[in-house]
Amino acid sequence: ECESLKDIRHRNLVKLLTACSSNDFQGNEFRALIYEFMPNGSLDMWLHPEVAEEINRPPKILTLLERLNICIDVASVLEYLHVHCHEPI
């Protein structure tokens, strides 16, 4: 699965750099996906800002047009993943 995700390229998807799996000091399995840095933050952060972040800077309220554009971009990515990928996901 991770190898397939590494090969996916779309302007609205964050690139998966690598995946790692190991055991922590207590013997529990640890897995991580490493993505490229997102300088503007995640979509989740924009839609649901945390109270602590709002103290440091005023919250950015997305306009209706910005939210509509986000919906269109998400739909574009979903179509790409399900229809146009070399291995549909």
PDB file of N, CA and C in Angstrom:
ATOM      1  N   GLU A   1       0.818  -1.194   0.000  1.00  0.00           N
ATOM      2  CA  GLU A   1       0.000   0.000   0.000  1.00  0.00           C
ATOM      3  C   GLU A   1       0.860   1.255   0.000  1.00  0.00           C
ATOM      4  N   CYS A   2       1.881   1.266   0.840  1.00  0.00           N
ATOM      5  CA  CYS A   2       2.725   2.463   0.937  1.00  0.00           C
ATOM      6  C   CYS A   2       3.477   2.713  -0.362  1.00  0.00           C
ATOM      7  N   GLU A   3       3.935   1.658  -1.024  1.00  0.00           N
ATOM      8  CA  GLU A   3       4.633   1.835  -2.296  1.00  0.00           C
ATOM      9  C   GLU A   3       3.704   2.457  -3.328  1.00  0.00           C
ATOM     10  N   SER A   4       2.443   2.036  -3.341  1.00  0.00           N
ATOM     11  CA  SER A   4       1.472   2.618  -4.272  1.00  0.00           C
ATOM     12  C   SER A   4       1.252   4.091  -3.962  1.00  0.00           C
ATOM     13  N   LEU A   5       1.163   4.435  -2.682  1.00  0.00           N
ATOM     14  CA  LEU A   5       0.937   5.827  -2.288  1.00  0.00           C
ATOM     15  C   LEU A   5       2.122   6.725  -2.638  1.00  0.00           C
ATOM     16  N   LYS A   6       3.342   6.173  -2.603  1.00  0.00           N
ATOM     17  CA  LYS A   6       4.530   6.963  -2.934  1.00  0.00           C
ATOM     18  C   LYS A   6       4.533   7.400  -4.391  1.00  0.00           C
ATOM     19  N   ASP A   7       3.922   6.611  -5.266  1.00  0.00           N
ATOM     20  CA  ASP A   7       3.939   6.902  -6.704  1.00  0.00           C
ATOM     21  C   ASP A   7       2.837   7.856  -7.143  1.00  0.00           C
ATOM     22  N   ILE A   8       1.921   8.194  -6.261  1.00  0.00           N
ATOM     23  CA  ILE A   8       0.788   9.048  -6.625  1.00  0.00           C
ATOM     24  C   ILE A   8       1.239  10.501  -6.699  1.00  0.00           C
ATOM     25  N   ARG A   9       0.882  11.165  -7.803  1.00  0.00           N
ATOM     26  CA  ARG A   9       1.214  12.577  -7.983  1.00  0.00           C
ATOM     27  C   ARG A   9      -0.045  13.338  -8.386  1.00  0.00           C
ATOM     28  N   HIS A  10      -0.428  14.300  -7.583  1.00  0.00           N
ATOM     29  CA  HIS A  10      -1.569  15.158  -7.887  1.00  0.00           C
ATOM     30  C   HIS A  10      -1.320  16.481  -7.181  1.00  0.00           C
ATOM     31  N   ARG A  11      -1.694  17.582  -7.814  1.00  0.00           N
ATOM     32  CA  ARG A  11      -1.395  18.907  -7.252  1.00  0.00           C
ATOM     33  C   ARG A  11      -2.083  19.161  -5.916  1.00  0.00           C
ATOM     34  N   ASN A  12      -3.139  18.418  -5.607  1.00  0.00           N
ATOM     35  CA  ASN A  12      -3.870  18.628  -4.357  1.00  0.00           C
ATOM     36  C   ASN A  12      -3.584  17.559  -3.308  1.00  0.00           C
ATOM     37  N   LEU A  13      -2.579  16.739  -3.543  1.00  0.00           N
ATOM     38  CA  LEU A  13      -2.196  15.721  -2.564  1.00  0.00           C
ATOM     39  C   LEU A  13      -0.800  16.008  -2.033  1.00  0.00           C
ATOM     40  N   VAL A  14      -0.624  15.817  -0.745  1.00  0.00           N
ATOM     41  CA  VAL A  14       0.693  15.948  -0.146  1.00  0.00           C
ATOM     42  C   VAL A  14       1.472  14.685  -0.484  1.00  0.00           C
ATOM     43  N   LYS A  15       2.721  14.858  -0.892  1.00  0.00           N
ATOM     44  CA  LYS A  15       3.552  13.727  -1.304  1.00  0.00           C
ATOM     45  C   LYS A  15       3.977  12.901  -0.092  1.00  0.00           C
ATOM     46  N   LEU A  16       3.788  11.582  -0.197  1.00  0.00           N
ATOM     47  CA  LEU A  16       4.274  10.658   0.825  1.00  0.00           C
ATOM     48  C   LEU A  16       5.753  10.417   0.563  1.00  0.00           C
ATOM     49  N   LEU A  17       6.599  10.738   1.525  1.00  0.00           N
ATOM     50  CA  LEU A  17       8.040  10.573   1.352  1.00  0.00           C
ATOM     51  C   LEU A  17       8.490   9.157   1.667  1.00  0.00           C
ATOM     52  N   THR A  18       8.056   8.634   2.803  1.00  0.00           N
ATOM     53  CA  THR A  18       8.453   7.281   3.185  1.00  0.00           C
ATOM     54  C   THR A  18       7.539   6.765   4.290  1.00  0.00           C
ATOM     55  N   ALA A  19       7.711   5.513   4.608  1.00  0.00           N
ATOM     56  CA  ALA A  19       6.975   4.883   5.710  1.00  0.00           C
ATOM     57  C   ALA A  19       7.981   4.104   6.544  1.00  0.00           C
ATOM     58  N   CYS A  20       7.744   4.046   7.831  1.00  0.00           N
ATOM     59  CA  CYS A  20       8.638   3.257   8.679  1.00  0.00           C
ATOM     60  C   CYS A  20       7.816   2.469   9.687  1.00  0.00           C
ATOM     61  N   SER A  21       8.397   1.366  10.103  1.00  0.00           N
ATOM     62  CA  SER A  21       7.753   0.481  11.064  1.00  0.00           C
ATOM     63  C   SER A  21       8.826  -0.045  12.003  1.00  0.00           C
ATOM     64  N   SER A  22       8.528  -0.053  13.290  1.00  0.00           N
ATOM     65  CA  SER A  22       9.501  -0.496  14.278  1.00  0.00           C
ATOM     66  C   SER A  22       8.769  -0.838  15.567  1.00  0.00           C
ATOM     67  N   ASN A  23       9.523  -1.214  16.571  1.00  0.00           N
ATOM     68  CA  ASN A  23       8.970  -1.433  17.904  1.00  0.00           C
ATOM     69  C   ASN A  23       9.526  -0.362  18.830  1.00  0.00           C
ATOM     70  N   ASP A  24       8.665   0.160  19.729  1.00  0.00           N
ATOM     71  CA  ASP A  24       9.151   1.160  20.669  1.00  0.00           C
ATOM     72  C   ASP A  24       9.842   0.471  21.839  1.00  0.00           C
ATOM     73  N   PHE A  25      10.275   1.249  22.823  1.00  0.00           N
ATOM     74  CA  PHE A  25      11.038   0.705  23.945  1.00  0.00           C
ATOM     75  C   PHE A  25      10.233  -0.265  24.804  1.00  0.00           C
ATOM     76  N   GLN A  26       8.899  -0.242  24.698  1.00  0.00           N
ATOM     77  CA  GLN A  26       8.059  -1.169  25.451  1.00  0.00           C
ATOM     78  C   GLN A  26       7.670  -2.388  24.626  1.00  0.00           C
ATOM     79  N   GLY A  27       8.158  -2.462  23.398  1.00  0.00           N
ATOM     80  CA  GLY A  27       7.852  -3.591  22.536  1.00  0.00           C
ATOM     81  C   GLY A  27       6.586  -3.429  21.713  1.00  0.00           C
ATOM     82  N   ASN A  28       5.944  -2.267  21.805  1.00  0.00           N
ATOM     83  CA  ASN A  28       4.740  -2.008  21.012  1.00  0.00           C
ATOM     84  C   ASN A  28       5.126  -1.662  19.583  1.00  0.00           C
ATOM     85  N   GLU A  29       4.322  -2.141  18.640  1.00  0.00           N
ATOM     86  CA  GLU A  29       4.598  -1.841  17.242  1.00  0.00           C
ATOM     87  C   GLU A  29       4.324  -0.366  16.961  1.00  0.00           C
ATOM     88  N   PHE A  30       5.217   0.250  16.220  1.00  0.00           N
ATOM     89  CA  PHE A  30       5.111   1.661  15.865  1.00  0.00           C
ATOM     90  C   PHE A  30       5.176   1.784  14.350  1.00  0.00           C
ATOM     91  N   ARG A  31       4.226   2.495  13.769  1.00  0.00           N
ATOM     92  CA  ARG A  31       4.215   2.733  12.326  1.00  0.00           C
ATOM     93  C   ARG A  31       4.026   4.220  12.081  1.00  0.00           C
ATOM     94  N   ALA A  32       4.685   4.726  11.054  1.00  0.00           N
ATOM     95  CA  ALA A  32       4.560   6.146  10.727  1.00  0.00           C
ATOM     96  C   ALA A  32       4.646   6.348   9.222  1.00  0.00           C
ATOM     97  N   LEU A  33       3.849   7.281   8.732  1.00  0.00           N
ATOM     98  CA  LEU A  33       3.931   7.738   7.351  1.00  0.00           C
ATOM     99  C   LEU A  33       4.547   9.130   7.396  1.00  0.00           C
ATOM    100  N   ILE A  34       5.557   9.368   6.579  1.00  0.00           N
ATOM    101  CA  ILE A  34       6.252  10.647   6.567  1.00  0.00           C
ATOM    102  C   ILE A  34       5.885  11.385   5.279  1.00  0.00           C
ATOM    103  N   TYR A  35       5.208  12.517   5.445  1.00  0.00           N
ATOM    104  CA  TYR A  35       4.773  13.330   4.309  1.00  0.00           C
ATOM    105  C   TYR A  35       5.641  14.574   4.200  1.00  0.00           C
ATOM    106  N   GLU A  36       5.630  15.197   3.019  1.00  0.00           N
ATOM    107  CA  GLU A  36       6.371  16.440   2.856  1.00  0.00           C
ATOM    108  C   GLU A  36       5.743  17.528   3.729  1.00  0.00           C
ATOM    109  N   PHE A  37       6.545  18.520   4.066  1.00  0.00           N
ATOM    110  CA  PHE A  37       6.113  19.619   4.927  1.00  0.00           C
ATOM    111  C   PHE A  37       5.005  20.424   4.248  1.00  0.00           C
ATOM    112  N   MET A  38       4.002  20.810   5.034  1.00  0.00           N
ATOM    113  CA  MET A  38       2.891  21.621   4.530  1.00  0.00           C
ATOM    114  C   MET A  38       3.010  23.018   5.141  1.00  0.00           C
ATOM    115  N   PRO A  39       3.646  23.965   4.439  1.00  0.00           N
ATOM    116  CA  PRO A  39       3.884  25.292   5.031  1.00  0.00           C
ATOM    117  C   PRO A  39       2.607  26.049   5.380  1.00  0.00           C
ATOM    118  N   ASN A  40       1.510  25.771   4.703  1.00  0.00           N
ATOM    119  CA  ASN A  40       0.248  26.456   5.001  1.00  0.00           C
ATOM    120  C   ASN A  40      -0.611  25.696   5.999  1.00  0.00           C
ATOM    121  N   GLY A  41      -0.105  24.599   6.527  1.00  0.00           N
ATOM    122  CA  GLY A  41      -0.874  23.797   7.466  1.00  0.00           C
ATOM    123  C   GLY A  41      -1.806  22.830   6.753  1.00  0.00           C
ATOM    124  N   SER A  42      -2.515  22.044   7.529  1.00  0.00           N
ATOM    125  CA  SER A  42      -3.416  21.035   6.973  1.00  0.00           C
ATOM    126  C   SER A  42      -4.819  21.607   6.769  1.00  0.00           C
ATOM    127  N   LEU A  43      -5.590  20.930   5.940  1.00  0.00           N
ATOM    128  CA  LEU A  43      -6.984  21.326   5.729  1.00  0.00           C
ATOM    129  C   LEU A  43      -7.741  21.263   7.052  1.00  0.00           C
ATOM    130  N   ASP A  44      -7.468  20.249   7.848  1.00  0.00           N
ATOM    131  CA  ASP A  44      -8.116  20.110   9.154  1.00  0.00           C
ATOM    132  C   ASP A  44      -7.843  21.337  10.028  1.00  0.00           C
ATOM    133  N   MET A  45      -6.605  21.824  10.001  1.00  0.00           N
ATOM    134  CA  MET A  45      -6.250  23.001  10.801  1.00  0.00           C
ATOM    135  C   MET A  45      -7.030  24.235  10.339  1.00  0.00           C
ATOM    136  N   TRP A  46      -7.234  24.376   9.027  1.00  0.00           N
ATOM    137  CA  TRP A  46      -7.969  25.522   8.504  1.00  0.00           C
ATOM    138  C   TRP A  46      -9.456  25.432   8.826  1.00  0.00           C
ATOM    139  N   LEU A  47     -10.004  24.217   8.785  1.00  0.00           N
ATOM    140  CA  LEU A  47     -11.437  24.059   9.041  1.00  0.00           C
ATOM    141  C   LEU A  47     -11.773  24.056  10.527  1.00  0.00           C
ATOM    142  N   HIS A  48     -10.832  23.584  11.360  1.00  0.00           N
ATOM    143  CA  HIS A  48     -11.076  23.455  12.803  1.00  0.00           C
ATOM    144  C   HIS A  48      -9.877  23.998  13.589  1.00  0.00           C
ATOM    145  N   PRO A  49      -9.669  25.317  13.619  1.00  0.00           N
ATOM    146  CA  PRO A  49      -8.515  25.863  14.349  1.00  0.00           C
ATOM    147  C   PRO A  49      -8.654  25.610  15.850  1.00  0.00           C
ATOM    148  N   GLU A  50      -7.510  25.350  16.487  1.00  0.00           N
ATOM    149  CA  GLU A  50      -7.513  25.120  17.933  1.00  0.00           C
ATOM    150  C   GLU A  50      -7.494  26.463  18.661  1.00  0.00           C
ATOM    151  N   VAL A  51      -8.033  26.469  19.862  1.00  0.00           N
ATOM    152  CA  VAL A  51      -8.122  27.697  20.653  1.00  0.00           C
ATOM    153  C   VAL A  51      -6.733  28.273  20.903  1.00  0.00           C
ATOM    154  N   ALA A  52      -5.736  27.437  21.191  1.00  0.00           N
ATOM    155  CA  ALA A  52      -4.378  27.915  21.467  1.00  0.00           C
ATOM    156  C   ALA A  52      -3.803  28.652  20.264  1.00  0.00           C
ATOM    157  N   GLU A  53      -4.116  28.203  19.053  1.00  0.00           N
ATOM    158  CA  GLU A  53      -3.620  28.866  17.850  1.00  0.00           C
ATOM    159  C   GLU A  53      -4.279  30.229  17.674  1.00  0.00           C
ATOM    160  N   GLU A  54      -5.539  30.338  18.069  1.00  0.00           N
ATOM    161  CA  GLU A  54      -6.273  31.591  17.907  1.00  0.00           C
ATOM    162  C   GLU A  54      -5.720  32.688  18.807  1.00  0.00           C
ATOM    163  N   ILE A  55      -5.102  32.320  19.913  1.00  0.00           N
ATOM    164  CA  ILE A  55      -4.530  33.308  20.824  1.00  0.00           C
ATOM    165  C   ILE A  55      -3.325  33.981  20.166  1.00  0.00           C
ATOM    166  N   ASN A  56      -2.495  33.205  19.476  1.00  0.00           N
ATOM    167  CA  ASN A  56      -1.287  33.734  18.848  1.00  0.00           C
ATOM    168  C   ASN A  56      -1.578  34.567  17.607  1.00  0.00           C
ATOM    169  N   ARG A  57      -2.637  34.268  16.918  1.00  0.00           N
ATOM    170  CA  ARG A  57      -3.002  35.019  15.720  1.00  0.00           C
ATOM    171  C   ARG A  57      -4.505  34.944  15.542  1.00  0.00           C
ATOM    172  N   PRO A  58      -5.081  35.945  14.910  1.00  0.00           N
ATOM    173  CA  PRO A  58      -6.535  35.901  14.711  1.00  0.00           C
ATOM    174  C   PRO A  58      -6.915  34.742  13.802  1.00  0.00           C
ATOM    175  N   PRO A  59      -8.051  34.111  14.059  1.00  0.00           N
ATOM    176  CA  PRO A  59      -8.447  32.966  13.238  1.00  0.00           C
ATOM    177  C   PRO A  59      -8.729  33.393  11.803  1.00  0.00           C
ATOM    178  N   LYS A  60      -8.361  32.535  10.880  1.00  0.00           N
ATOM    179  CA  LYS A  60      -8.641  32.769   9.458  1.00  0.00           C
ATOM    180  C   LYS A  60      -9.973  32.115   9.160  1.00  0.00           C
ATOM    181  N   ILE A  61     -10.949  32.918   8.835  1.00  0.00           N
ATOM    182  CA  ILE A  61     -12.269  32.406   8.489  1.00  0.00           C
ATOM    183  C   ILE A  61     -12.311  32.221   6.979  1.00  0.00           C
ATOM    184  N   LEU A  62     -12.596  31.016   6.539  1.00  0.00           N
ATOM    185  CA  LEU A  62     -12.690  30.743   5.108  1.00  0.00           C
ATOM    186  C   LEU A  62     -14.011  31.274   4.566  1.00  0.00           C
ATOM    187  N   THR A  63     -13.949  31.932   3.430  1.00  0.00           N
ATOM    188  CA  THR A  63     -15.166  32.432   2.796  1.00  0.00           C
ATOM    189  C   THR A  63     -15.914  31.269   2.152  1.00  0.00           C
ATOM    190  N   LEU A  64     -17.145  31.525   1.757  1.00  0.00           N
ATOM    191  CA  LEU A  64     -17.930  30.497   1.079  1.00  0.00           C
ATOM    192  C   LEU A  64     -17.241  30.067  -0.215  1.00  0.00           C
ATOM    193  N   LEU A  65     -16.686  31.012  -0.957  1.00  0.00           N
ATOM    194  CA  LEU A  65     -15.995  30.687  -2.202  1.00  0.00           C
ATOM    195  C   LEU A  65     -14.757  29.827  -1.939  1.00  0.00           C
ATOM    196  N   GLU A  66     -13.999  30.145  -0.886  1.00  0.00           N
ATOM    197  CA  GLU A  66     -12.826  29.333  -0.536  1.00  0.00           C
ATOM    198  C   GLU A  66     -13.250  27.915  -0.159  1.00  0.00           C
ATOM    199  N   ARG A  67     -14.324  27.794   0.610  1.00  0.00           N
ATOM    200  CA  ARG A  67     -14.818  26.466   0.990  1.00  0.00           C
ATOM    201  C   ARG A  67     -15.308  25.687  -0.226  1.00  0.00           C
ATOM    202  N   LEU A  68     -15.968  26.361  -1.150  1.00  0.00           N
ATOM    203  CA  LEU A  68     -16.427  25.712  -2.376  1.00  0.00           C
ATOM    204  C   LEU A  68     -15.236  25.232  -3.205  1.00  0.00           C
ATOM    205  N   ASN A  69     -14.201  26.058  -3.318  1.00  0.00           N
ATOM    206  CA  ASN A  69     -12.998  25.655  -4.047  1.00  0.00           C
ATOM    207  C   ASN A  69     -12.316  24.459  -3.396  1.00  0.00           C
ATOM    208  N   ILE A  70     -12.320  24.403  -2.069  1.00  0.00           N
ATOM    209  CA  ILE A  70     -11.765  23.248  -1.359  1.00  0.00           C
ATOM    210  C   ILE A  70     -12.561  21.997  -1.708  1.00  0.00           C
ATOM    211  N   CYS A  71     -13.886  22.097  -1.716  1.00  0.00           N
ATOM    212  CA  CYS A  71     -14.739  20.951  -2.068  1.00  0.00           C
ATOM    213  C   CYS A  71     -14.449  20.463  -3.486  1.00  0.00           C
ATOM    214  N   ILE A  72     -14.279  21.390  -4.407  1.00  0.00           N
ATOM    215  CA  ILE A  72     -13.972  21.022  -5.792  1.00  0.00           C
ATOM    216  C   ILE A  72     -12.611  20.330  -5.870  1.00  0.00           C
ATOM    217  N   ASP A  73     -11.619  20.853  -5.152  1.00  0.00           N
ATOM    218  CA  ASP A  73     -10.290  20.238  -5.146  1.00  0.00           C
ATOM    219  C   ASP A  73     -10.321  18.840  -4.539  1.00  0.00           C
ATOM    220  N   VAL A  74     -11.068  18.658  -3.454  1.00  0.00           N
ATOM    221  CA  VAL A  74     -11.192  17.334  -2.833  1.00  0.00           C
ATOM    222  C   VAL A  74     -11.869  16.366  -3.795  1.00  0.00           C
ATOM    223  N   ALA A  75     -12.922  16.812  -4.467  1.00  0.00           N
ATOM    224  CA  ALA A  75     -13.601  15.961  -5.451  1.00  0.00           C
ATOM    225  C   ALA A  75     -12.652  15.581  -6.583  1.00  0.00           C
ATOM    226  N   SER A  76     -11.816  16.517  -7.008  1.00  0.00           N
ATOM    227  CA  SER A  76     -10.834  16.249  -8.060  1.00  0.00           C
ATOM    228  C   SER A  76      -9.850  15.164  -7.635  1.00  0.00           C
ATOM    229  N   VAL A  77      -9.370  15.249  -6.404  1.00  0.00           N
ATOM    230  CA  VAL A  77      -8.433  14.243  -5.888  1.00  0.00           C
ATOM    231  C   VAL A  77      -9.107  12.883  -5.784  1.00  0.00           C
ATOM    232  N   LEU A  78     -10.331  12.851  -5.271  1.00  0.00           N
ATOM    233  CA  LEU A  78     -11.035  11.571  -5.144  1.00  0.00           C
ATOM    234  C   LEU A  78     -11.246  10.919  -6.508  1.00  0.00           C
ATOM    235  N   GLU A  79     -11.608  11.723  -7.504  1.00  0.00           N
ATOM    236  CA  GLU A  79     -11.765  11.169  -8.853  1.00  0.00           C
ATOM    237  C   GLU A  79     -10.431  10.620  -9.354  1.00  0.00           C
ATOM    238  N   TYR A  80      -9.364  11.363  -9.133  1.00  0.00           N
ATOM    239  CA  TYR A  80      -8.037  10.909  -9.547  1.00  0.00           C
ATOM    240  C   TYR A  80      -7.684   9.576  -8.886  1.00  0.00           C
ATOM    241  N   LEU A  81      -7.889   9.486  -7.572  1.00  0.00           N
ATOM    242  CA  LEU A  81      -7.536   8.267  -6.837  1.00  0.00           C
ATOM    243  C   LEU A  81      -8.370   7.066  -7.265  1.00  0.00           C
ATOM    244  N   HIS A  82      -9.644   7.289  -7.551  1.00  0.00           N
ATOM    245  CA  HIS A  82     -10.546   6.176  -7.856  1.00  0.00           C
ATOM    246  C   HIS A  82     -10.607   5.821  -9.335  1.00  0.00           C
ATOM    247  N   VAL A  83     -10.266   6.756 -10.216  1.00  0.00           N
ATOM    248  CA  VAL A  83     -10.443   6.514 -11.651  1.00  0.00           C
ATOM    249  C   VAL A  83      -9.133   6.580 -12.432  1.00  0.00           C
ATOM    250  N   HIS A  84      -8.304   7.577 -12.158  1.00  0.00           N
ATOM    251  CA  HIS A  84      -7.164   7.850 -13.026  1.00  0.00           C
ATOM    252  C   HIS A  84      -5.823   7.325 -12.524  1.00  0.00           C
ATOM    253  N   CYS A  85      -5.744   6.816 -11.324  1.00  0.00           N
ATOM    254  CA  CYS A  85      -4.491   6.256 -10.814  1.00  0.00           C
ATOM    255  C   CYS A  85      -4.142   4.989 -11.584  1.00  0.00           C
ATOM    256  N   HIS A  86      -2.831   4.700 -11.664  1.00  0.00           N
ATOM    257  CA  HIS A  86      -2.435   3.454 -12.319  1.00  0.00           C
ATOM    258  C   HIS A  86      -2.951   2.243 -11.547  1.00  0.00           C
ATOM    259  N   GLU A  87      -3.114   2.388 -10.235  1.00  0.00           N
ATOM    260  CA  GLU A  87      -3.774   1.385  -9.397  1.00  0.00           C
ATOM    261  C   GLU A  87      -4.881   2.113  -8.642  1.00  0.00           C
ATOM    262  N   PRO A  88      -6.139   2.065  -9.120  1.00  0.00           N
ATOM    263  CA  PRO A  88      -7.219   2.786  -8.426  1.00  0.00           C
ATOM    264  C   PRO A  88      -7.295   2.418  -6.946  1.00  0.00           C
ATOM    265  N   ILE A  89      -7.467   3.428  -6.134  1.00  0.00           N
ATOM    266  CA  ILE A  89      -7.498   3.224  -4.679  1.00  0.00           C
ATOM    267  C   ILE A  89      -8.931   3.311  -4.200  1.00  0.00           C
TER     268      ILE A  89
END
